[in-house]
Amino acid sequence: MPHPDVRTPAEGREDATGRIWFTIREAAAFIGGSVQTIYSWERRGHLTNPRHDERGRRIYSQQQIADAHRKARRYNPATRRRITA
């Protein structure tokens, strides 16, 4: 799976400043994971301060998703074992 920082956004929305925003479903597709993964990141505090789109759905920036992905990998015990081994 390519790292989220180097992916091109397939389904995000770009705002006037050039930032790409994803709904939870779009974020899951962006990382190649499931919607439940994004919900898990929210519960664990990896994703905070969402904006809301015109329909009231939570949206996160591409940078927020990439940062959450890094945090999740850093705090995953299986990943830590591979890094320290």
N, C-alpha and C. Protein backbone atom coordinates (compact mmCIF):
# COMPACT_ATOMS: atom_id res chain seq x y z
N MET A 1 0.85 -1.18 0.00
CA MET A 1 0.00 0.00 0.00
C MET A 1 0.89 1.24 0.00
N PRO A 2 0.69 2.16 -0.94
CA PRO A 2 1.48 3.39 -0.96
C PRO A 2 1.21 4.23 0.30
N HIS A 3 2.19 4.95 0.70
CA HIS A 3 2.05 5.81 1.87
C HIS A 3 1.04 6.92 1.57
N PRO A 4 0.15 7.29 2.53
CA PRO A 4 -0.87 8.31 2.27
C PRO A 4 -0.31 9.66 1.83
N ASP A 5 0.92 9.98 2.22
CA ASP A 5 1.49 11.27 1.83
C ASP A 5 1.75 11.36 0.33
N VAL A 6 1.92 10.22 -0.34
CA VAL A 6 2.29 10.25 -1.74
C VAL A 6 1.14 9.86 -2.67
N ARG A 7 -0.02 9.56 -2.13
CA ARG A 7 -1.16 9.20 -2.96
C ARG A 7 -1.78 10.45 -3.57
N THR A 8 -2.34 10.27 -4.73
CA THR A 8 -3.12 11.35 -5.32
C THR A 8 -4.56 11.17 -4.88
N PRO A 9 -5.22 12.23 -4.48
CA PRO A 9 -6.59 12.09 -3.99
C PRO A 9 -7.53 11.67 -5.10
N ALA A 10 -8.23 10.56 -4.88
CA ALA A 10 -9.14 10.05 -5.90
C ALA A 10 -10.52 10.66 -5.77
N GLU A 11 -10.97 10.91 -4.56
CA GLU A 11 -12.34 11.32 -4.36
C GLU A 11 -12.49 12.51 -3.42
N GLY A 12 -11.42 13.14 -3.02
CA GLY A 12 -11.53 14.25 -2.09
C GLY A 12 -12.04 15.52 -2.75
N ARG A 13 -12.32 16.52 -1.93
CA ARG A 13 -12.74 17.82 -2.44
C ARG A 13 -11.66 18.84 -2.14
N GLU A 14 -11.39 19.68 -3.07
CA GLU A 14 -10.36 20.70 -2.89
C GLU A 14 -11.04 22.02 -2.54
N ASP A 15 -10.52 22.69 -1.51
CA ASP A 15 -11.08 24.01 -1.16
C ASP A 15 -10.29 25.11 -1.86
N ALA A 16 -10.61 26.34 -1.57
CA ALA A 16 -9.99 27.48 -2.25
C ALA A 16 -8.49 27.58 -1.97
N THR A 17 -8.03 27.04 -0.84
CA THR A 17 -6.61 27.11 -0.50
C THR A 17 -5.82 25.93 -1.06
N GLY A 18 -6.52 24.99 -1.71
CA GLY A 18 -5.83 23.84 -2.28
C GLY A 18 -5.80 22.62 -1.38
N ARG A 19 -6.38 22.71 -0.19
CA ARG A 19 -6.43 21.56 0.71
C ARG A 19 -7.47 20.56 0.20
N ILE A 20 -7.16 19.28 0.35
CA ILE A 20 -8.07 18.22 -0.05
C ILE A 20 -8.78 17.71 1.21
N TRP A 21 -10.11 17.58 1.12
CA TRP A 21 -10.94 17.14 2.25
C TRP A 21 -11.65 15.85 1.89
N PHE A 22 -11.74 14.93 2.87
CA PHE A 22 -12.36 13.63 2.67
C PHE A 22 -13.46 13.39 3.69
N THR A 23 -14.56 12.79 3.23
CA THR A 23 -15.54 12.24 4.17
C THR A 23 -14.91 10.98 4.76
N ILE A 24 -15.57 10.39 5.73
CA ILE A 24 -15.03 9.18 6.34
C ILE A 24 -14.91 8.06 5.31
N ARG A 25 -15.91 7.90 4.48
CA ARG A 25 -15.87 6.85 3.45
C ARG A 25 -14.74 7.12 2.45
N GLU A 26 -14.56 8.36 2.05
CA GLU A 26 -13.49 8.71 1.12
C GLU A 26 -12.12 8.52 1.76
N ALA A 27 -12.02 8.85 3.05
CA ALA A 27 -10.75 8.67 3.76
C ALA A 27 -10.38 7.19 3.82
N ALA A 28 -11.37 6.34 4.07
CA ALA A 28 -11.11 4.90 4.12
C ALA A 28 -10.59 4.41 2.76
N ALA A 29 -11.21 4.88 1.68
CA ALA A 29 -10.75 4.49 0.35
C ALA A 29 -9.34 5.03 0.09
N PHE A 30 -9.06 6.23 0.57
CA PHE A 30 -7.75 6.86 0.38
C PHE A 30 -6.63 6.03 1.01
N ILE A 31 -6.88 5.49 2.21
CA ILE A 31 -5.84 4.71 2.89
C ILE A 31 -5.88 3.24 2.50
N GLY A 32 -6.91 2.85 1.76
CA GLY A 32 -7.03 1.44 1.38
C GLY A 32 -7.53 0.60 2.54
N GLY A 33 -8.27 1.21 3.47
CA GLY A 33 -8.78 0.51 4.63
C GLY A 33 -10.29 0.56 4.68
N SER A 34 -10.82 0.32 5.86
CA SER A 34 -12.27 0.30 6.02
C SER A 34 -12.75 1.54 6.76
N VAL A 35 -14.04 1.77 6.69
CA VAL A 35 -14.67 2.87 7.42
C VAL A 35 -14.46 2.66 8.92
N GLN A 36 -14.48 1.41 9.37
CA GLN A 36 -14.27 1.11 10.78
C GLN A 36 -12.89 1.55 11.26
N THR A 37 -11.90 1.52 10.38
CA THR A 37 -10.56 1.99 10.73
C THR A 37 -10.61 3.48 11.05
N ILE A 38 -11.31 4.25 10.25
CA ILE A 38 -11.41 5.69 10.48
C ILE A 38 -12.14 5.96 11.79
N TYR A 39 -13.24 5.22 12.04
CA TYR A 39 -13.96 5.38 13.30
C TYR A 39 -13.05 5.04 14.48
N SER A 40 -12.24 4.01 14.33
CA SER A 40 -11.31 3.62 15.38
C SER A 40 -10.29 4.73 15.65
N TRP A 41 -9.79 5.35 14.59
CA TRP A 41 -8.84 6.45 14.75
C TRP A 41 -9.49 7.61 15.48
N GLU A 42 -10.77 7.87 15.21
CA GLU A 42 -11.48 8.93 15.92
C GLU A 42 -11.57 8.60 17.41
N ARG A 43 -11.97 7.38 17.73
CA ARG A 43 -12.11 6.97 19.14
C ARG A 43 -10.78 7.06 19.88
N ARG A 44 -9.71 6.71 19.21
CA ARG A 44 -8.39 6.71 19.84
C ARG A 44 -7.74 8.09 19.87
N GLY A 45 -8.37 9.07 19.25
CA GLY A 45 -7.84 10.42 19.27
C GLY A 45 -6.82 10.72 18.19
N HIS A 46 -6.67 9.81 17.22
CA HIS A 46 -5.74 10.08 16.12
C HIS A 46 -6.32 11.10 15.15
N LEU A 47 -7.64 11.15 15.05
CA LEU A 47 -8.33 12.13 14.20
C LEU A 47 -9.18 13.02 15.10
N THR A 48 -8.88 14.30 15.10
CA THR A 48 -9.64 15.24 15.93
C THR A 48 -10.02 16.46 15.12
N ASN A 49 -10.91 17.25 15.65
CA ASN A 49 -11.33 18.53 15.06
C ASN A 49 -11.79 18.43 13.61
N PRO A 50 -12.79 17.60 13.35
CA PRO A 50 -13.27 17.53 11.96
C PRO A 50 -14.04 18.78 11.58
N ARG A 51 -14.00 19.10 10.30
CA ARG A 51 -14.91 20.11 9.76
C ARG A 51 -16.15 19.36 9.33
N HIS A 52 -17.16 20.09 8.94
CA HIS A 52 -18.39 19.46 8.45
C HIS A 52 -18.72 20.03 7.08
N ASP A 53 -19.16 19.14 6.19
CA ASP A 53 -19.52 19.60 4.85
C ASP A 53 -20.95 20.14 4.84
N GLU A 54 -21.43 20.48 3.67
CA GLU A 54 -22.75 21.10 3.54
C GLU A 54 -23.88 20.17 3.97
N ARG A 55 -23.60 18.86 4.03
CA ARG A 55 -24.61 17.89 4.46
C ARG A 55 -24.44 17.50 5.92
N GLY A 56 -23.50 18.13 6.61
CA GLY A 56 -23.28 17.85 8.03
C GLY A 56 -22.36 16.68 8.31
N ARG A 57 -21.77 16.10 7.28
CA ARG A 57 -20.86 14.96 7.47
C ARG A 57 -19.49 15.46 7.93
N ARG A 58 -18.84 14.68 8.79
CA ARG A 58 -17.49 15.02 9.22
C ARG A 58 -16.54 14.86 8.03
N ILE A 59 -15.66 15.83 7.86
CA ILE A 59 -14.64 15.73 6.82
C ILE A 59 -13.28 16.05 7.43
N TYR A 60 -12.27 15.39 6.91
CA TYR A 60 -10.90 15.55 7.38
C TYR A 60 -10.00 15.89 6.20
N SER A 61 -8.96 16.68 6.49
CA SER A 61 -8.02 17.05 5.43
C SER A 61 -7.11 15.86 5.11
N GLN A 62 -6.52 15.92 3.93
CA GLN A 62 -5.58 14.88 3.53
C GLN A 62 -4.44 14.80 4.55
N GLN A 63 -4.00 15.94 5.04
CA GLN A 63 -2.91 15.95 6.02
C GLN A 63 -3.34 15.29 7.33
N GLN A 64 -4.58 15.54 7.78
CA GLN A 64 -5.07 14.90 9.00
C GLN A 64 -5.10 13.38 8.85
N ILE A 65 -5.53 12.91 7.69
CA ILE A 65 -5.59 11.47 7.44
C ILE A 65 -4.18 10.88 7.44
N ALA A 66 -3.25 11.54 6.77
CA ALA A 66 -1.87 11.05 6.73
C ALA A 66 -1.26 11.03 8.13
N ASP A 67 -1.49 12.07 8.92
CA ASP A 67 -0.96 12.11 10.29
C ASP A 67 -1.56 11.00 11.15
N ALA A 68 -2.87 10.77 11.01
CA ALA A 68 -3.54 9.71 11.77
C ALA A 68 -2.99 8.34 11.37
N HIS A 69 -2.73 8.17 10.10
CA HIS A 69 -2.16 6.90 9.61
C HIS A 69 -0.80 6.65 10.25
N ARG A 70 0.03 7.69 10.29
CA ARG A 70 1.34 7.57 10.93
C ARG A 70 1.21 7.25 12.42
N LYS A 71 0.31 7.96 13.11
CA LYS A 71 0.11 7.71 14.55
C LYS A 71 -0.36 6.29 14.79
N ALA A 72 -1.31 5.83 13.99
CA ALA A 72 -1.84 4.47 14.17
C ALA A 72 -0.74 3.44 13.98
N ARG A 73 0.10 3.64 12.98
CA ARG A 73 1.21 2.70 12.76
C ARG A 73 2.21 2.74 13.90
N ARG A 74 2.46 3.94 14.42
CA ARG A 74 3.44 4.10 15.50
C ARG A 74 2.97 3.41 16.78
N TYR A 75 1.66 3.46 17.07
CA TYR A 75 1.13 2.91 18.31
C TYR A 75 0.62 1.49 18.19
N ASN A 76 0.72 0.90 17.01
CA ASN A 76 0.29 -0.48 16.80
C ASN A 76 1.37 -1.40 17.36
N PRO A 77 1.03 -2.25 18.36
CA PRO A 77 2.05 -3.11 18.98
C PRO A 77 2.75 -4.02 17.97
N ALA A 78 2.05 -4.54 16.99
CA ALA A 78 2.68 -5.42 16.01
C ALA A 78 3.72 -4.66 15.19
N THR A 79 3.41 -3.43 14.84
CA THR A 79 4.35 -2.60 14.09
C THR A 79 5.57 -2.29 14.94
N ARG A 80 5.36 -1.97 16.22
CA ARG A 80 6.49 -1.67 17.10
C ARG A 80 7.42 -2.86 17.24
N ARG A 81 6.86 -4.06 17.31
CA ARG A 81 7.71 -5.26 17.41
C ARG A 81 8.57 -5.42 16.17
N ARG A 82 8.01 -5.16 14.99
CA ARG A 82 8.79 -5.29 13.76
C ARG A 82 9.90 -4.24 13.70
N ILE A 83 9.61 -3.03 14.18
CA ILE A 83 10.59 -1.96 14.12
C ILE A 83 11.75 -2.24 15.07
N THR A 84 11.46 -2.74 16.27
CA THR A 84 12.51 -2.96 17.27
C THR A 84 13.23 -4.28 17.10
N ALA A 85 12.68 -5.17 16.31
CA ALA A 85 13.31 -6.51 16.14
C ALA A 85 14.48 -6.45 15.20
